[in-house]
Amino acid sequence: MEALARTDGLAVSLERVLAAREQRAARQMAALARYAKPLLSMTVVTPGPIKDGPLPRRVLRRALAEIEDIASRIPWPVLSREAFWHETGPEALYVIDAPATLLKLVTIGLEDLHPLGRLWDLDVIAVGPSTLSRKEFGLAGRRCLVCERPAFECGRSRRHPLHELQQVVQAMVREHDRHQLH
């Protein structure tokens, strides 16, 4: 359990995080142009300036395994899959031959019901391009990791100290790992 508390990785600047977001958007546009099918863009919720390390990588690998399992069971053809292990955080981009609205409903279910789902940001981008949101399905936005307020509200106001957010993330992963052993 000690490895979870270690802070591995380098702190990255806001400029690097914003540049990574622009690069991700460019990859998404290129994939939409190439495949003309819905995209699933996956990132990990990592509060603080250290975005990469063993913990966020494990969290993304679990998301990838869940998506692979769902795609094989339904079955939905995965036309492309790429994972990126950047200092700005792990991310993945899948092209899935599935109805975008159904794919979004499945990802909402994962985010809401899987023990690590709150640590996944699973964005579905339909051909158009447009990102499907929870609001389109009459659902509320995601909740804060610490309290029940809307996540964007707490994030914007920096309502919770960084160490508290990191402790919650580590506790979620520990709890998931503990259940995996039983």
Protein backbone atom coordinates (compact mmCIF):
# COMPACT_ATOMS: atom_id res chain seq x y z
CA MET A 1 0.00 0.00 0.00
CA GLU A 2 2.96 2.32 0.54
CA ALA A 3 3.48 2.64 -3.22
CA LEU A 4 0.13 4.39 -3.55
CA ALA A 5 1.20 7.21 -1.27
CA ARG A 6 4.47 7.86 -3.10
CA THR A 7 4.50 10.78 -5.49
CA ASP A 8 6.12 9.45 -8.64
CA GLY A 9 6.45 11.56 -11.73
CA LEU A 10 7.26 15.14 -12.52
CA ALA A 11 5.13 18.17 -11.86
CA VAL A 12 3.85 19.62 -15.11
CA SER A 13 2.89 23.20 -15.78
CA LEU A 14 -0.57 24.37 -16.72
CA GLU A 15 0.86 25.32 -20.12
CA ARG A 16 1.96 21.69 -20.72
CA VAL A 17 -1.46 20.40 -19.64
CA LEU A 18 -3.19 22.83 -22.02
CA ALA A 19 -0.81 21.90 -24.86
CA ALA A 20 -1.55 18.21 -24.24
CA ARG A 21 -5.27 18.98 -24.42
CA GLU A 22 -4.76 20.67 -27.81
CA GLN A 23 -2.74 17.70 -29.07
CA ARG A 24 -5.48 15.34 -27.89
CA ALA A 25 -8.10 17.41 -29.77
CA ALA A 26 -5.95 17.26 -32.92
CA ARG A 27 -5.68 13.45 -32.64
CA GLN A 28 -9.43 13.26 -32.16
CA MET A 29 -10.12 15.35 -35.27
CA ALA A 30 -7.70 13.23 -37.31
CA ALA A 31 -9.36 10.00 -36.12
CA LEU A 32 -12.83 11.36 -36.91
CA ALA A 33 -11.67 12.34 -40.40
CA ARG A 34 -10.03 8.97 -40.99
CA TYR A 35 -12.72 6.63 -39.62
CA ALA A 36 -15.98 8.66 -39.53
CA LYS A 37 -17.02 6.62 -36.47
CA PRO A 38 -17.52 7.57 -32.80
CA LEU A 39 -14.46 8.09 -30.64
CA LEU A 40 -13.91 7.25 -27.02
CA SER A 41 -11.32 9.53 -25.47
CA MET A 42 -10.10 8.37 -22.05
CA THR A 43 -8.15 10.34 -19.47
CA VAL A 44 -7.59 9.96 -15.73
CA VAL A 45 -8.71 12.38 -13.04
CA THR A 46 -5.43 13.34 -11.33
CA PRO A 47 -5.67 16.33 -9.00
CA GLY A 48 -2.47 18.31 -8.67
CA PRO A 49 0.57 19.06 -10.80
CA ILE A 50 1.83 15.45 -11.04
CA LYS A 51 -0.23 13.81 -13.74
CA ASP A 52 1.74 10.64 -14.50
CA GLY A 53 3.06 7.77 -12.45
CA PRO A 54 2.18 4.20 -11.44
CA LEU A 55 -1.20 5.11 -9.94
CA PRO A 56 -2.73 7.01 -12.89
CA ARG A 57 -1.32 4.39 -15.29
CA ARG A 58 -2.98 1.59 -13.32
CA VAL A 59 -6.25 3.50 -13.29
CA LEU A 60 -6.17 3.95 -17.09
CA ARG A 61 -5.19 0.31 -17.68
CA ARG A 62 -8.28 -0.73 -15.69
CA ALA A 63 -10.46 1.54 -17.86
CA LEU A 64 -8.92 0.04 -21.01
CA ALA A 65 -9.64 -3.48 -19.76
CA GLU A 66 -13.27 -2.57 -19.03
CA ILE A 67 -13.76 -1.05 -22.50
CA GLU A 68 -12.13 -4.07 -24.17
CA ASP A 69 -14.41 -6.40 -22.20
CA ILE A 70 -17.57 -4.46 -23.08
CA ALA A 71 -16.62 -4.15 -26.75
CA SER A 72 -16.00 -7.89 -27.00
CA ARG A 73 -19.22 -8.87 -25.21
CA ILE A 74 -21.65 -6.62 -27.13
CA PRO A 75 -19.78 -7.04 -29.72
CA TRP A 76 -18.60 -3.66 -30.98
CA PRO A 77 -15.70 -3.61 -33.42
CA VAL A 78 -12.79 -1.52 -32.15
CA LEU A 79 -11.34 -0.01 -35.33
CA SER A 80 -8.43 1.73 -33.64
CA ARG A 81 -6.93 1.80 -30.17
CA GLU A 82 -4.08 3.95 -28.98
CA ALA A 83 -2.78 4.59 -25.49
CA PHE A 84 -0.43 7.44 -24.65
CA TRP A 85 1.73 7.57 -21.54
CA HIS A 86 2.61 11.26 -21.35
CA GLU A 87 4.01 13.25 -18.43
CA THR A 88 0.75 15.21 -18.64
CA GLY A 89 -1.13 12.02 -17.79
CA PRO A 90 -2.07 8.74 -19.41
CA GLU A 91 -4.75 8.85 -22.06
CA ALA A 92 -6.25 6.65 -24.74
CA LEU A 93 -8.22 7.09 -27.92
CA TYR A 94 -10.46 4.35 -29.28
CA VAL A 95 -12.52 4.34 -32.47
CA ILE A 96 -15.52 2.09 -31.91
CA ASP A 97 -18.07 1.10 -34.53
CA ALA A 98 -21.11 1.60 -32.30
CA PRO A 99 -23.98 4.07 -32.03
CA ALA A 100 -22.51 7.13 -30.28
CA THR A 101 -25.48 7.59 -27.94
CA LEU A 102 -25.36 3.97 -26.80
CA LEU A 103 -21.58 4.19 -26.33
CA LYS A 104 -22.07 7.32 -24.19
CA LEU A 105 -24.71 5.61 -22.05
CA VAL A 106 -22.33 2.69 -21.46
CA THR A 107 -19.48 5.02 -20.50
CA ILE A 108 -21.75 6.96 -18.13
CA GLY A 109 -22.60 3.64 -16.49
CA LEU A 110 -18.90 2.85 -16.10
CA GLU A 111 -18.12 6.26 -14.66
CA ASP A 112 -21.02 6.03 -12.21
CA LEU A 113 -20.96 2.36 -11.19
CA HIS A 114 -17.42 1.04 -11.44
CA PRO A 115 -15.36 1.49 -8.23
CA LEU A 116 -12.74 3.43 -10.20
CA GLY A 117 -15.23 5.08 -12.55
CA ARG A 118 -15.07 8.45 -10.81
CA LEU A 119 -11.37 8.57 -11.72
CA TRP A 120 -12.08 8.06 -15.43
CA ASP A 121 -13.02 10.80 -17.85
CA LEU A 122 -14.64 8.91 -20.71
CA ASP A 123 -15.64 11.31 -23.49
CA VAL A 124 -17.62 10.12 -26.48
CA ILE A 125 -17.19 12.21 -29.60
CA ALA A 126 -19.72 11.65 -32.35
CA VAL A 127 -19.12 12.26 -36.02
CA GLY A 128 -19.90 15.90 -36.52
CA PRO A 129 -17.89 16.38 -34.33
CA SER A 130 -19.72 16.86 -31.09
CA THR A 131 -18.97 15.59 -27.60
CA LEU A 132 -21.96 13.91 -26.05
CA SER A 133 -22.68 15.06 -22.52
CA ARG A 134 -24.66 13.80 -19.58
CA LYS A 135 -27.04 16.76 -19.97
CA GLU A 136 -28.23 15.40 -23.32
CA PHE A 137 -29.53 12.37 -21.42
CA GLY A 138 -31.13 14.45 -18.67
CA LEU A 139 -28.41 13.51 -16.19
CA ALA A 140 -26.65 15.76 -13.72
CA GLY A 141 -22.96 16.50 -14.08
CA ARG A 142 -20.35 14.55 -12.19
CA ARG A 143 -19.96 15.04 -8.46
CA CYS A 144 -16.90 16.18 -6.56
CA LEU A 145 -14.51 13.49 -5.35
CA VAL A 146 -14.85 14.76 -1.76
CA CYS A 147 -18.38 16.10 -1.40
CA GLU A 148 -21.66 15.89 -3.27
CA ARG A 149 -21.41 19.29 -4.96
CA PRO A 150 -20.93 19.50 -8.73
CA ALA A 151 -17.30 18.68 -9.56
CA PHE A 152 -16.81 21.77 -11.72
CA GLU A 153 -17.97 24.00 -8.86
CA CYS A 154 -15.47 22.59 -6.35
CA GLY A 155 -12.70 22.49 -8.92
CA ARG A 156 -13.17 26.08 -9.96
CA SER A 157 -13.36 27.39 -6.41
CA ARG A 158 -10.59 25.07 -5.15
CA ARG A 159 -12.86 24.22 -2.27
CA HIS A 160 -10.80 21.20 -1.15
CA PRO A 161 -7.07 21.13 -0.43
CA LEU A 162 -4.96 19.14 -2.88
CA HIS A 163 -3.81 16.61 -0.27
CA GLU A 164 -7.45 15.80 0.56
CA LEU A 165 -8.27 15.15 -3.11
CA GLN A 166 -5.18 12.97 -3.48
CA GLN A 167 -6.08 11.00 -0.35
CA VAL A 168 -9.55 10.30 -1.76
CA VAL A 169 -8.05 9.09 -5.06
CA GLN A 170 -5.59 6.82 -3.24
CA ALA A 171 -8.36 5.45 -1.01
CA MET A 172 -10.52 4.65 -4.05
CA VAL A 173 -7.68 2.72 -5.68
CA ARG A 174 -6.82 0.89 -2.43
CA GLU A 175 -10.47 -0.09 -1.97
CA HIS A 176 -10.68 -1.34 -5.56
CA ASP A 177 -7.44 -3.33 -5.15
CA ARG A 178 -8.66 -4.84 -1.90
CA HIS A 179 -11.85 -6.09 -3.58
CA GLN A 180 -9.87 -7.48 -6.52
CA LEU A 181 -7.96 -9.72 -4.09
CA HIS A 182 -11.16 -11.29 -2.68
